[in-house]
Amino acid sequence: MKFFITLMFIFSFSLVQAQEIEPTYEVEGDKVKATYYFIDGSVHKQGFFKNKRLTGMWTEFDKKGNKVATGFYEDGKKTGIWLKWNKNKLRQVNYKNNLITSVNTWKEETSLAIN
């Protein structure tokens, strides 16, 4: 009986693993565009590699296709402004050489001054 339960567990685990969607890679000039997927087939992350290092703009989505983060990599390190959306908040995280230099957060209620 234990053997049967163990066998069923291994079989069910292998089915779950088989359902994962492999990332896709496309050559674009001197870069490789990578797209990673959720199990349901929707796009999870998308960005570029150059010389096997993250480079350029990367974008992350939720399962509904809404953008939840975007930012830049340079030579595999986060750099510049990264924007992260979370429900009614927008967070701007500034990076330099993969280190956070500042963070600003705006909520839906925040007013903008316009000249």
PDB file of N, CA and C in Angstrom:
ATOM      1  N   MET A   1       0.823  -1.194   0.000  1.00  0.00           N
ATOM      2  CA  MET A   1       0.000   0.000   0.000  1.00  0.00           C
ATOM      3  C   MET A   1       0.870   1.261   0.000  1.00  0.00           C
ATOM      4  N   LYS A   2       1.932   1.274   0.806  1.00  0.00           N
ATOM      5  CA  LYS A   2       2.828   2.428   0.832  1.00  0.00           C
ATOM      6  C   LYS A   2       3.468   2.623  -0.538  1.00  0.00           C
ATOM      7  N   PHE A   3       3.827   1.524  -1.175  1.00  0.00           N
ATOM      8  CA  PHE A   3       4.429   1.600  -2.497  1.00  0.00           C
ATOM      9  C   PHE A   3       3.462   2.267  -3.483  1.00  0.00           C
ATOM     10  N   PHE A   4       2.193   1.883  -3.425  1.00  0.00           N
ATOM     11  CA  PHE A   4       1.182   2.440  -4.313  1.00  0.00           C
ATOM     12  C   PHE A   4       0.999   3.937  -4.074  1.00  0.00           C
ATOM     13  N   ILE A   5       0.953   4.365  -2.835  1.00  0.00           N
ATOM     14  CA  ILE A   5       0.803   5.791  -2.504  1.00  0.00           C
ATOM     15  C   ILE A   5       2.018   6.574  -2.978  1.00  0.00           C
ATOM     16  N   THR A   6       3.200   6.020  -2.756  1.00  0.00           N
ATOM     17  CA  THR A   6       4.424   6.680  -3.216  1.00  0.00           C
ATOM     18  C   THR A   6       4.439   6.803  -4.725  1.00  0.00           C
ATOM     19  N   LEU A   7       4.048   5.744  -5.401  1.00  0.00           N
ATOM     20  CA  LEU A   7       4.001   5.757  -6.860  1.00  0.00           C
ATOM     21  C   LEU A   7       3.008   6.801  -7.369  1.00  0.00           C
ATOM     22  N   MET A   8       1.839   6.912  -6.749  1.00  0.00           N
ATOM     23  CA  MET A   8       0.841   7.907  -7.139  1.00  0.00           C
ATOM     24  C   MET A   8       1.360   9.325  -6.914  1.00  0.00           C
ATOM     25  N   PHE A   9       2.072   9.531  -5.807  1.00  0.00           N
ATOM     26  CA  PHE A   9       2.641  10.856  -5.516  1.00  0.00           C
ATOM     27  C   PHE A   9       3.659  11.244  -6.583  1.00  0.00           C
ATOM     28  N   ILE A  10       4.539  10.339  -6.933  1.00  0.00           N
ATOM     29  CA  ILE A  10       5.563  10.614  -7.947  1.00  0.00           C
ATOM     30  C   ILE A  10       4.898  10.889  -9.297  1.00  0.00           C
ATOM     31  N   PHE A  11       3.891  10.101  -9.644  1.00  0.00           N
ATOM     32  CA  PHE A  11       3.192  10.292 -10.909  1.00  0.00           C
ATOM     33  C   PHE A  11       2.494  11.651 -10.958  1.00  0.00           C
ATOM     34  N   SER A  12       1.810  12.036  -9.887  1.00  0.00           N
ATOM     35  CA  SER A  12       1.100  13.326  -9.877  1.00  0.00           C
ATOM     36  C   SER A  12       2.088  14.489  -9.907  1.00  0.00           C
ATOM     37  N   PHE A  13       3.228  14.364  -9.251  1.00  0.00           N
ATOM     38  CA  PHE A  13       4.258  15.410  -9.274  1.00  0.00           C
ATOM     39  C   PHE A  13       4.815  15.578 -10.683  1.00  0.00           C
ATOM     40  N   SER A  14       5.025  14.482 -11.380  1.00  0.00           N
ATOM     41  CA  SER A  14       5.567  14.573 -12.737  1.00  0.00           C
ATOM     42  C   SER A  14       4.562  15.219 -13.685  1.00  0.00           C
ATOM     43  N   LEU A  15       3.262  15.029 -13.457  1.00  0.00           N
ATOM     44  CA  LEU A  15       2.255  15.688 -14.284  1.00  0.00           C
ATOM     45  C   LEU A  15       2.275  17.189 -14.075  1.00  0.00           C
ATOM     46  N   VAL A  16       2.429  17.631 -12.834  1.00  0.00           N
ATOM     47  CA  VAL A  16       2.502  19.058 -12.546  1.00  0.00           C
ATOM     48  C   VAL A  16       3.717  19.662 -13.232  1.00  0.00           C
ATOM     49  N   GLN A  17       4.848  19.002 -13.163  1.00  0.00           N
ATOM     50  CA  GLN A  17       6.069  19.497 -13.791  1.00  0.00           C
ATOM     51  C   GLN A  17       5.924  19.570 -15.305  1.00  0.00           C
ATOM     52  N   ALA A  18       5.226  18.640 -15.902  1.00  0.00           N
ATOM     53  CA  ALA A  18       5.069  18.599 -17.348  1.00  0.00           C
ATOM     54  C   ALA A  18       4.202  19.743 -17.865  1.00  0.00           C
ATOM     55  N   GLN A  19       3.388  20.351 -17.009  1.00  0.00           N
ATOM     56  CA  GLN A  19       2.492  21.410 -17.432  1.00  0.00           C
ATOM     57  C   GLN A  19       3.150  22.780 -17.446  1.00  0.00           C
ATOM     58  N   GLU A  20       4.364  22.919 -16.934  1.00  0.00           N
ATOM     59  CA  GLU A  20       5.043  24.204 -16.947  1.00  0.00           C
ATOM     60  C   GLU A  20       5.378  24.591 -18.379  1.00  0.00           C
ATOM     61  N   ILE A  21       5.264  25.877 -18.663  1.00  0.00           N
ATOM     62  CA  ILE A  21       5.559  26.372 -20.000  1.00  0.00           C
ATOM     63  C   ILE A  21       6.992  26.885 -20.026  1.00  0.00           C
ATOM     64  N   GLU A  22       7.743  26.394 -20.971  1.00  0.00           N
ATOM     65  CA  GLU A  22       9.149  26.785 -21.102  1.00  0.00           C
ATOM     66  C   GLU A  22       9.252  28.214 -21.613  1.00  0.00           C
ATOM     67  N   PRO A  23      10.265  28.961 -21.149  1.00  0.00           N
ATOM     68  CA  PRO A  23      10.473  30.309 -21.674  1.00  0.00           C
ATOM     69  C   PRO A  23      10.825  30.267 -23.160  1.00  0.00           C
ATOM     70  N   THR A  24      10.581  31.373 -23.849  1.00  0.00           N
ATOM     71  CA  THR A  24      10.979  31.482 -25.248  1.00  0.00           C
ATOM     72  C   THR A  24      12.093  32.508 -25.367  1.00  0.00           C
ATOM     73  N   TYR A  25      12.961  32.305 -26.349  1.00  0.00           N
ATOM     74  CA  TYR A  25      14.101  33.188 -26.585  1.00  0.00           C
ATOM     75  C   TYR A  25      14.158  33.522 -28.067  1.00  0.00           C
ATOM     76  N   GLU A  26      14.301  34.812 -28.384  1.00  0.00           N
ATOM     77  CA  GLU A  26      14.392  35.269 -29.763  1.00  0.00           C
ATOM     78  C   GLU A  26      15.598  36.187 -29.911  1.00  0.00           C
ATOM     79  N   VAL A  27      16.402  35.962 -30.927  1.00  0.00           N
ATOM     80  CA  VAL A  27      17.557  36.817 -31.174  1.00  0.00           C
ATOM     81  C   VAL A  27      17.079  38.101 -31.844  1.00  0.00           C
ATOM     82  N   GLU A  28      17.464  39.235 -31.278  1.00  0.00           N
ATOM     83  CA  GLU A  28      17.155  40.552 -31.842  1.00  0.00           C
ATOM     84  C   GLU A  28      18.440  41.360 -31.868  1.00  0.00           C
ATOM     85  N   GLY A  29      19.096  41.384 -33.009  1.00  0.00           N
ATOM     86  CA  GLY A  29      20.381  42.079 -33.129  1.00  0.00           C
ATOM     87  C   GLY A  29      21.435  41.383 -32.279  1.00  0.00           C
ATOM     88  N   ASP A  30      22.072  42.133 -31.371  1.00  0.00           N
ATOM     89  CA  ASP A  30      23.097  41.549 -30.510  1.00  0.00           C
ATOM     90  C   ASP A  30      22.537  41.122 -29.157  1.00  0.00           C
ATOM     91  N   LYS A  31      21.188  41.129 -29.023  1.00  0.00           N
ATOM     92  CA  LYS A  31      20.535  40.758 -27.767  1.00  0.00           C
ATOM     93  C   LYS A  31      19.621  39.556 -27.980  1.00  0.00           C
ATOM     94  N   VAL A  32      19.231  38.954 -26.879  1.00  0.00           N
ATOM     95  CA  VAL A  32      18.263  37.862 -26.902  1.00  0.00           C
ATOM     96  C   VAL A  32      17.061  38.291 -26.070  1.00  0.00           C
ATOM     97  N   LYS A  33      15.892  38.292 -26.697  1.00  0.00           N
ATOM     98  CA  LYS A  33      14.660  38.638 -25.991  1.00  0.00           C
ATOM     99  C   LYS A  33      14.115  37.387 -25.325  1.00  0.00           C
ATOM    100  N   ALA A  34      13.914  37.463 -24.013  1.00  0.00           N
ATOM    101  CA  ALA A  34      13.400  36.325 -23.242  1.00  0.00           C
ATOM    102  C   ALA A  34      11.978  36.628 -22.781  1.00  0.00           C
ATOM    103  N   THR A  35      11.122  35.625 -22.878  1.00  0.00           N
ATOM    104  CA  THR A  35       9.756  35.742 -22.384  1.00  0.00           C
ATOM    105  C   THR A  35       9.475  34.549 -21.490  1.00  0.00           C
ATOM    106  N   TYR A  36       9.069  34.831 -20.255  1.00  0.00           N
ATOM    107  CA  TYR A  36       8.730  33.799 -19.277  1.00  0.00           C
ATOM    108  C   TYR A  36       7.221  33.815 -19.077  1.00  0.00           C
ATOM    109  N   TYR A  37       6.652  32.632 -18.826  1.00  0.00           N
ATOM    110  CA  TYR A  37       5.204  32.477 -18.784  1.00  0.00           C
ATOM    111  C   TYR A  37       4.722  31.923 -17.448  1.00  0.00           C
ATOM    112  N   PHE A  38       3.461  32.274 -17.121  1.00  0.00           N
ATOM    113  CA  PHE A  38       2.755  31.610 -16.031  1.00  0.00           C
ATOM    114  C   PHE A  38       2.300  30.249 -16.540  1.00  0.00           C
ATOM    115  N   ILE A  39       1.869  29.377 -15.660  1.00  0.00           N
ATOM    116  CA  ILE A  39       1.406  28.048 -16.043  1.00  0.00           C
ATOM    117  C   ILE A  39       0.218  28.126 -17.004  1.00  0.00           C
ATOM    118  N   ASP A  40      -0.618  29.179 -16.864  1.00  0.00           N
ATOM    119  CA  ASP A  40      -1.779  29.298 -17.749  1.00  0.00           C
ATOM    120  C   ASP A  40      -1.428  29.815 -19.146  1.00  0.00           C
ATOM    121  N   GLY A  41      -0.144  30.123 -19.396  1.00  0.00           N
ATOM    122  CA  GLY A  41       0.285  30.563 -20.717  1.00  0.00           C
ATOM    123  C   GLY A  41       0.410  32.061 -20.873  1.00  0.00           C
ATOM    124  N   SER A  42      -0.072  32.828 -19.901  1.00  0.00           N
ATOM    125  CA  SER A  42       0.059  34.285 -20.002  1.00  0.00           C
ATOM    126  C   SER A  42       1.497  34.705 -19.684  1.00  0.00           C
ATOM    127  N   VAL A  43       1.904  35.851 -20.226  1.00  0.00           N
ATOM    128  CA  VAL A  43       3.273  36.334 -20.061  1.00  0.00           C
ATOM    129  C   VAL A  43       3.494  36.808 -18.629  1.00  0.00           C
ATOM    130  N   HIS A  44       4.591  36.363 -18.032  1.00  0.00           N
ATOM    131  CA  HIS A  44       4.964  36.753 -16.681  1.00  0.00           C
ATOM    132  C   HIS A  44       6.039  37.837 -16.687  1.00  0.00           C
ATOM    133  N   LYS A  45       7.141  37.596 -17.412  1.00  0.00           N
ATOM    134  CA  LYS A  45       8.242  38.559 -17.503  1.00  0.00           C
ATOM    135  C   LYS A  45       8.766  38.580 -18.926  1.00  0.00           C
ATOM    136  N   GLN A  46       9.291  39.750 -19.292  1.00  0.00           N
ATOM    137  CA  GLN A  46       9.861  39.868 -20.633  1.00  0.00           C
ATOM    138  C   GLN A  46      10.990  40.888 -20.611  1.00  0.00           C
ATOM    139  N   GLY A  47      12.099  40.533 -21.247  1.00  0.00           N
ATOM    140  CA  GLY A  47      13.234  41.436 -21.296  1.00  0.00           C
ATOM    141  C   GLY A  47      14.354  40.866 -22.141  1.00  0.00           C
ATOM    142  N   PHE A  48      15.539  41.434 -21.991  1.00  0.00           N
ATOM    143  CA  PHE A  48      16.654  41.090 -22.862  1.00  0.00           C
ATOM    144  C   PHE A  48      17.877  40.609 -22.096  1.00  0.00           C
ATOM    145  N   PHE A  49      18.663  39.801 -22.791  1.00  0.00           N
ATOM    146  CA  PHE A  49      19.981  39.373 -22.334  1.00  0.00           C
ATOM    147  C   PHE A  49      21.003  39.814 -23.375  1.00  0.00           C
ATOM    148  N   LYS A  50      22.179  40.145 -22.906  1.00  0.00           N
ATOM    149  CA  LYS A  50      23.316  40.387 -23.793  1.00  0.00           C
ATOM    150  C   LYS A  50      24.523  39.774 -23.107  1.00  0.00           C
ATOM    151  N   ASN A  51      25.225  38.900 -23.814  1.00  0.00           N
ATOM    152  CA  ASN A  51      26.357  38.172 -23.235  1.00  0.00           C
ATOM    153  C   ASN A  51      25.950  37.443 -21.952  1.00  0.00           C
ATOM    154  N   LYS A  52      24.758  36.841 -21.977  1.00  0.00           N
ATOM    155  CA  LYS A  52      24.205  36.036 -20.876  1.00  0.00           C
ATOM    156  C   LYS A  52      23.922  36.848 -19.612  1.00  0.00           C
ATOM    157  N   ARG A  53      23.819  38.173 -19.741  1.00  0.00           N
ATOM    158  CA  ARG A  53      23.495  39.039 -18.598  1.00  0.00           C
ATOM    159  C   ARG A  53      22.241  39.843 -18.919  1.00  0.00           C
ATOM    160  N   LEU A  54      21.432  40.078 -17.889  1.00  0.00           N
ATOM    161  CA  LEU A  54      20.237  40.899 -18.072  1.00  0.00           C
ATOM    162  C   LEU A  54      20.659  42.279 -18.550  1.00  0.00           C
ATOM    163  N   THR A  55      19.913  42.811 -19.531  1.00  0.00           N
ATOM    164  CA  THR A  55      20.238  44.128 -20.062  1.00  0.00           C
ATOM    165  C   THR A  55      18.982  44.805 -20.587  1.00  0.00           C
ATOM    166  N   GLY A  56      18.976  46.111 -20.577  1.00  0.00           N
ATOM    167  CA  GLY A  56      17.841  46.854 -21.127  1.00  0.00           C
ATOM    168  C   GLY A  56      16.591  46.741 -20.282  1.00  0.00           C
ATOM    169  N   MET A  57      15.463  47.091 -20.901  1.00  0.00           N
ATOM    170  CA  MET A  57      14.192  47.122 -20.177  1.00  0.00           C
ATOM    171  C   MET A  57      13.634  45.718 -19.932  1.00  0.00           C
ATOM    172  N   TRP A  58      13.154  45.518 -18.717  1.00  0.00           N
ATOM    173  CA  TRP A  58      12.438  44.300 -18.325  1.00  0.00           C
ATOM    174  C   TRP A  58      11.074  44.716 -17.795  1.00  0.00           C
ATOM    175  N   THR A  59      10.068  43.923 -18.136  1.00  0.00           N
ATOM    176  CA  THR A  59       8.704  44.199 -17.706  1.00  0.00           C
ATOM    177  C   THR A  59       8.110  42.938 -17.093  1.00  0.00           C
ATOM    178  N   GLU A  60       7.389  43.130 -15.993  1.00  0.00           N
ATOM    179  CA  GLU A  60       6.731  42.007 -15.313  1.00  0.00           C
ATOM    180  C   GLU A  60       5.227  42.265 -15.302  1.00  0.00           C
ATOM    181  N   PHE A  61       4.436  41.187 -15.498  1.00  0.00           N
ATOM    182  CA  PHE A  61       2.984  41.281 -15.560  1.00  0.00           C
ATOM    183  C   PHE A  61       2.353  40.367 -14.520  1.00  0.00           C
ATOM    184  N   ASP A  62       1.098  40.689 -14.134  1.00  0.00           N
ATOM    185  CA  ASP A  62       0.350  39.744 -13.311  1.00  0.00           C
ATOM    186  C   ASP A  62      -0.382  38.780 -14.237  1.00  0.00           C
ATOM    187  N   LYS A  63      -1.123  37.841 -13.662  1.00  0.00           N
ATOM    188  CA  LYS A  63      -1.783  36.815 -14.473  1.00  0.00           C
ATOM    189  C   LYS A  63      -2.895  37.373 -15.365  1.00  0.00           C
ATOM    190  N   LYS A  64      -3.376  38.593 -15.047  1.00  0.00           N
ATOM    191  CA  LYS A  64      -4.419  39.214 -15.868  1.00  0.00           C
ATOM    192  C   LYS A  64      -3.829  40.038 -17.010  1.00  0.00           C
ATOM    193  N   GLY A  65      -2.501  40.130 -17.076  1.00  0.00           N
ATOM    194  CA  GLY A  65      -1.853  40.896 -18.132  1.00  0.00           C
ATOM    195  C   GLY A  65      -1.556  42.334 -17.768  1.00  0.00           C
ATOM    196  N   ASN A  66      -1.838  42.710 -16.524  1.00  0.00           N
ATOM    197  CA  ASN A  66      -1.538  44.061 -16.070  1.00  0.00           C
ATOM    198  C   ASN A  66      -0.054  44.192 -15.750  1.00  0.00           C
ATOM    199  N   LYS A  67       0.533  45.308 -16.139  1.00  0.00           N
ATOM    200  CA  LYS A  67       1.939  45.562 -15.848  1.00  0.00           C
ATOM    201  C   LYS A  67       2.095  45.822 -14.347  1.00  0.00           C
ATOM    202  N   VAL A  68       3.025  45.110 -13.701  1.00  0.00           N
ATOM    203  CA  VAL A  68       3.250  45.303 -12.268  1.00  0.00           C
ATOM    204  C   VAL A  68       4.646  45.844 -11.957  1.00  0.00           C
ATOM    205  N   ALA A  69       5.567  45.767 -12.904  1.00  0.00           N
ATOM    206  CA  ALA A  69       6.909  46.317 -12.683  1.00  0.00           C
ATOM    207  C   ALA A  69       7.608  46.515 -14.012  1.00  0.00           C
ATOM    208  N   THR A  70       8.429  47.553 -14.069  1.00  0.00           N
ATOM    209  CA  THR A  70       9.243  47.793 -15.246  1.00  0.00           C
ATOM    210  C   THR A  70      10.502  48.536 -14.822  1.00  0.00           C
ATOM    211  N   GLY A  71      11.600  48.199 -15.467  1.00  0.00           N
ATOM    212  CA  GLY A  71      12.859  48.852 -15.136  1.00  0.00           C
ATOM    213  C   GLY A  71      13.977  48.375 -16.035  1.00  0.00           C
ATOM    214  N   PHE A  72      15.176  48.855 -15.749  1.00  0.00           N
ATOM    215  CA  PHE A  72      16.321  48.590 -16.618  1.00  0.00           C
ATOM    216  C   PHE A  72      17.431  47.838 -15.894  1.00  0.00           C
ATOM    217  N   TYR A  73      18.102  47.005 -16.669  1.00  0.00           N
ATOM    218  CA  TYR A  73      19.314  46.329 -16.226  1.00  0.00           C
ATOM    219  C   TYR A  73      20.469  46.801 -17.098  1.00  0.00           C
ATOM    220  N   GLU A  74      21.638  46.884 -16.501  1.00  0.00           N
ATOM    221  CA  GLU A  74      22.861  47.166 -17.248  1.00  0.00           C
ATOM    222  C   GLU A  74      23.917  46.193 -16.758  1.00  0.00           C
ATOM    223  N   ASP A  75      24.376  45.341 -17.669  1.00  0.00           N
ATOM    224  CA  ASP A  75      25.393  44.341 -17.343  1.00  0.00           C
ATOM    225  C   ASP A  75      24.974  43.463 -16.156  1.00  0.00           C
ATOM    226  N   GLY A  76      23.673  43.087 -16.132  1.00  0.00           N
ATOM    227  CA  GLY A  76      23.157  42.188 -15.106  1.00  0.00           C
ATOM    228  C   GLY A  76      22.751  42.852 -13.808  1.00  0.00           C
ATOM    229  N   LYS A  77      22.850  44.187 -13.716  1.00  0.00           N
ATOM    230  CA  LYS A  77      22.528  44.896 -12.473  1.00  0.00           C
ATOM    231  C   LYS A  77      21.400  45.885 -12.706  1.00  0.00           C
ATOM    232  N   LYS A  78      20.501  46.010 -11.708  1.00  0.00           N
ATOM    233  CA  LYS A  78      19.428  46.992 -11.804  1.00  0.00           C
ATOM    234  C   LYS A  78      20.047  48.386 -11.800  1.00  0.00           C
ATOM    235  N   THR A  79      19.478  49.244 -12.653  1.00  0.00           N
ATOM    236  CA  THR A  79      19.981  50.605 -12.739  1.00  0.00           C
ATOM    237  C   THR A  79      18.845  51.550 -13.109  1.00  0.00           C
ATOM    238  N   GLY A  80      18.956  52.776 -12.704  1.00  0.00           N
ATOM    239  CA  GLY A  80      17.952  53.781 -13.068  1.00  0.00           C
ATOM    240  C   GLY A  80      16.642  53.607 -12.335  1.00  0.00           C
ATOM    241  N   ILE A  81      15.577  54.077 -12.968  1.00  0.00           N
ATOM    242  CA  ILE A  81      14.246  54.094 -12.348  1.00  0.00           C
ATOM    243  C   ILE A  81      13.502  52.793 -12.626  1.00  0.00           C
ATOM    244  N   TRP A  82      12.998  52.193 -11.561  1.00  0.00           N
ATOM    245  CA  TRP A  82      12.104  51.035 -11.655  1.00  0.00           C
ATOM    246  C   TRP A  82      10.752  51.477 -11.122  1.00  0.00           C
ATOM    247  N   LEU A  83       9.696  51.153 -11.852  1.00  0.00           N
ATOM    248  CA  LEU A  83       8.338  51.455 -11.415  1.00  0.00           C
ATOM    249  C   LEU A  83       7.641  50.158 -11.048  1.00  0.00           C
ATOM    250  N   LYS A  84       6.960  50.180  -9.887  1.00  0.00           N
ATOM    251  CA  LYS A  84       6.247  48.992  -9.411  1.00  0.00           C
ATOM    252  C   LYS A  84       4.836  49.394  -9.013  1.00  0.00           C
ATOM    253  N   TRP A  85       3.845  48.732  -9.624  1.00  0.00           N
ATOM    254  CA  TRP A  85       2.444  49.003  -9.344  1.00  0.00           C
ATOM    255  C   TRP A  85       1.911  47.934  -8.407  1.00  0.00           C
ATOM    256  N   ASN A  86       1.135  48.380  -7.400  1.00  0.00           N
ATOM    257  CA  ASN A  86       0.533  47.461  -6.453  1.00  0.00           C
ATOM    258  C   ASN A  86      -0.805  48.043  -6.031  1.00  0.00           C
ATOM    259  N   LYS A  87      -1.877  47.479  -6.532  1.00  0.00           N
ATOM    260  CA  LYS A  87      -3.245  47.922  -6.268  1.00  0.00           C
ATOM    261  C   LYS A  87      -3.368  49.411  -6.547  1.00  0.00           C
ATOM    262  N   ASN A  88      -3.480  50.246  -5.504  1.00  0.00           N
ATOM    263  CA  ASN A  88      -3.668  51.683  -5.719  1.00  0.00           C
ATOM    264  C   ASN A  88      -2.386  52.483  -5.473  1.00  0.00           C
ATOM    265  N   LYS A  89      -1.227  51.825  -5.535  1.00  0.00           N
ATOM    266  CA  LYS A  89       0.050  52.500  -5.291  1.00  0.00           C
ATOM    267  C   LYS A  89       0.982  52.374  -6.489  1.00  0.00           C
ATOM    268  N   LEU A  90       1.786  53.405  -6.674  1.00  0.00           N
ATOM    269  CA  LEU A  90       2.879  53.367  -7.633  1.00  0.00           C
ATOM    270  C   LEU A  90       4.147  53.664  -6.844  1.00  0.00           C
ATOM    271  N   ARG A  91       5.107  52.777  -6.963  1.00  0.00           N
ATOM    272  CA  ARG A  91       6.370  52.961  -6.252  1.00  0.00           C
ATOM    273  C   ARG A  91       7.485  53.146  -7.281  1.00  0.00           C
ATOM    274  N   GLN A  92       8.254  54.215  -7.098  1.00  0.00           N
ATOM    275  CA  GLN A  92       9.416  54.478  -7.938  1.00  0.00           C
ATOM    276  C   GLN A  92      10.651  54.161  -7.107  1.00  0.00           C
ATOM    277  N   VAL A  93      11.410  53.184  -7.576  1.00  0.00           N
ATOM    278  CA  VAL A  93      12.636  52.789  -6.883  1.00  0.00           C
ATOM    279  C   VAL A  93      13.805  53.145  -7.792  1.00  0.00           C
ATOM    280  N   ASN A  94      14.725  53.945  -7.288  1.00  0.00           N
ATOM    281  CA  ASN A  94      15.894  54.349  -8.061  1.00  0.00           C
ATOM    282  C   ASN A  94      17.083  53.477  -7.671  1.00  0.00           C
ATOM    283  N   TYR A  95      17.732  52.918  -8.687  1.00  0.00           N
ATOM    284  CA  TYR A  95      18.874  52.037  -8.480  1.00  0.00           C
ATOM    285  C   TYR A  95      20.127  52.636  -9.116  1.00  0.00           C
ATOM    286  N   LYS A  96      21.247  52.359  -8.489  1.00  0.00           N
ATOM    287  CA  LYS A  96      22.543  52.648  -9.082  1.00  0.00           C
ATOM    288  C   LYS A  96      23.434  51.469  -8.754  1.00  0.00           C
ATOM    289  N   ASN A  97      23.922  50.793  -9.798  1.00  0.00           N
ATOM    290  CA  ASN A  97      24.805  49.638  -9.621  1.00  0.00           C
ATOM    291  C   ASN A  97      24.181  48.572  -8.716  1.00  0.00           C
ATOM    292  N   ASN A  98      22.895  48.309  -8.945  1.00  0.00           N
ATOM    293  CA  ASN A  98      22.144  47.270  -8.230  1.00  0.00           C
ATOM    294  C   ASN A  98      21.798  47.630  -6.786  1.00  0.00           C
ATOM    295  N   LEU A  99      22.054  48.863  -6.368  1.00  0.00           N
ATOM    296  CA  LEU A  99      21.732  49.307  -5.014  1.00  0.00           C
ATOM    297  C   LEU A  99      20.633  50.361  -5.065  1.00  0.00           C
ATOM    298  N   ILE A 100      19.713  50.292  -4.114  1.00  0.00           N
ATOM    299  CA  ILE A 100      18.624  51.272  -4.046  1.00  0.00           C
ATOM    300  C   ILE A 100      19.182  52.587  -3.528  1.00  0.00           C
ATOM    301  N   THR A 101      18.917  53.666  -4.287  1.00  0.00           N
ATOM    302  CA  THR A 101      19.367  54.995  -3.858  1.00  0.00           C
ATOM    303  C   THR A 101      18.220  55.827  -3.298  1.00  0.00           C
ATOM    304  N   SER A 102      16.984  55.579  -3.744  1.00  0.00           N
ATOM    305  CA  SER A 102      15.825  56.274  -3.196  1.00  0.00           C
ATOM    306  C   SER A 102      14.544  55.546  -3.596  1.00  0.00           C
ATOM    307  N   VAL A 103      13.490  55.822  -2.816  1.00  0.00           N
ATOM    308  CA  VAL A 103      12.177  55.224  -3.079  1.00  0.00           C
ATOM    309  C   VAL A 103      11.122  56.307  -2.897  1.00  0.00           C
ATOM    310  N   ASN A 104      10.218  56.427  -3.860  1.00  0.00           N
ATOM    311  CA  ASN A 104       9.073  57.330  -3.761  1.00  0.00           C
ATOM    312  C   ASN A 104       7.814  56.507  -3.973  1.00  0.00           C
ATOM    313  N   THR A 105       6.775  56.808  -3.187  1.00  0.00           N
ATOM    314  CA  THR A 105       5.517  56.078  -3.306  1.00  0.00           C
ATOM    315  C   THR A 105       4.385  57.074  -3.499  1.00  0.00           C
ATOM    316  N   TRP A 106       3.513  56.778  -4.463  1.00  0.00           N
ATOM    317  CA  TRP A 106       2.329  57.582  -4.694  1.00  0.00           C
ATOM    318  C   TRP A 106       1.110  56.696  -4.532  1.00  0.00           C
ATOM    319  N   LYS A 107       0.096  57.230  -3.875  1.00  0.00           N
ATOM    320  CA  LYS A 107      -1.175  56.523  -3.745  1.00  0.00           C
ATOM    321  C   LYS A 107      -2.191  57.175  -4.656  1.00  0.00           C
ATOM    322  N   GLU A 108      -3.298  56.495  -4.869  1.00  0.00           N
ATOM    323  CA  GLU A 108      -4.347  57.005  -5.746  1.00  0.00           C
ATOM    324  C   GLU A 108      -4.824  58.392  -5.314  1.00  0.00           C
ATOM    325  N   GLU A 109      -4.795  58.666  -4.019  1.00  0.00           N
ATOM    326  CA  GLU A 109      -5.281  59.926  -3.489  1.00  0.00           C
ATOM    327  C   GLU A 109      -4.291  61.075  -3.694  1.00  0.00           C
ATOM    328  N   THR A 110      -3.051  60.787  -4.080  1.00  0.00           N
ATOM    329  CA  THR A 110      -2.013  61.800  -4.213  1.00  0.00           C
ATOM    330  C   THR A 110      -2.384  62.789  -5.321  1.00  0.00           C
ATOM    331  N   SER A 111      -2.229  64.064  -5.028  1.00  0.00           N
ATOM    332  CA  SER A 111      -2.509  65.108  -6.009  1.00  0.00           C
ATOM    333  C   SER A 111      -1.252  65.455  -6.787  1.00  0.00           C
ATOM    334  N   LEU A 112      -1.431  65.861  -8.022  1.00  0.00           N
ATOM    335  CA  LEU A 112      -0.310  66.319  -8.838  1.00  0.00           C
ATOM    336  C   LEU A 112      -0.407  67.821  -9.014  1.00  0.00           C
ATOM    337  N   ALA A 113       0.720  68.491  -8.915  1.00  0.00           N
ATOM    338  CA  ALA A 113       0.750  69.926  -9.179  1.00  0.00           C
ATOM    339  C   ALA A 113       1.037  70.117 -10.661  1.00  0.00           C
ATOM    340  N   ILE A 114       0.237  70.892 -11.334  1.00  0.00           N
ATOM    341  CA  ILE A 114       0.399  71.109 -12.758  1.00  0.00           C
ATOM    342  C   ILE A 114       0.616  72.596 -12.999  1.00  0.00           C
ATOM    343  N   ASN A 115       1.628  72.940 -13.790  1.00  0.00           N
ATOM    344  CA  ASN A 115       1.882  74.351 -14.120  1.00  0.00           C
ATOM    345  C   ASN A 115       0.997  74.772 -15.258  1.00  0.00           C
TER     346      ASN A 115
END
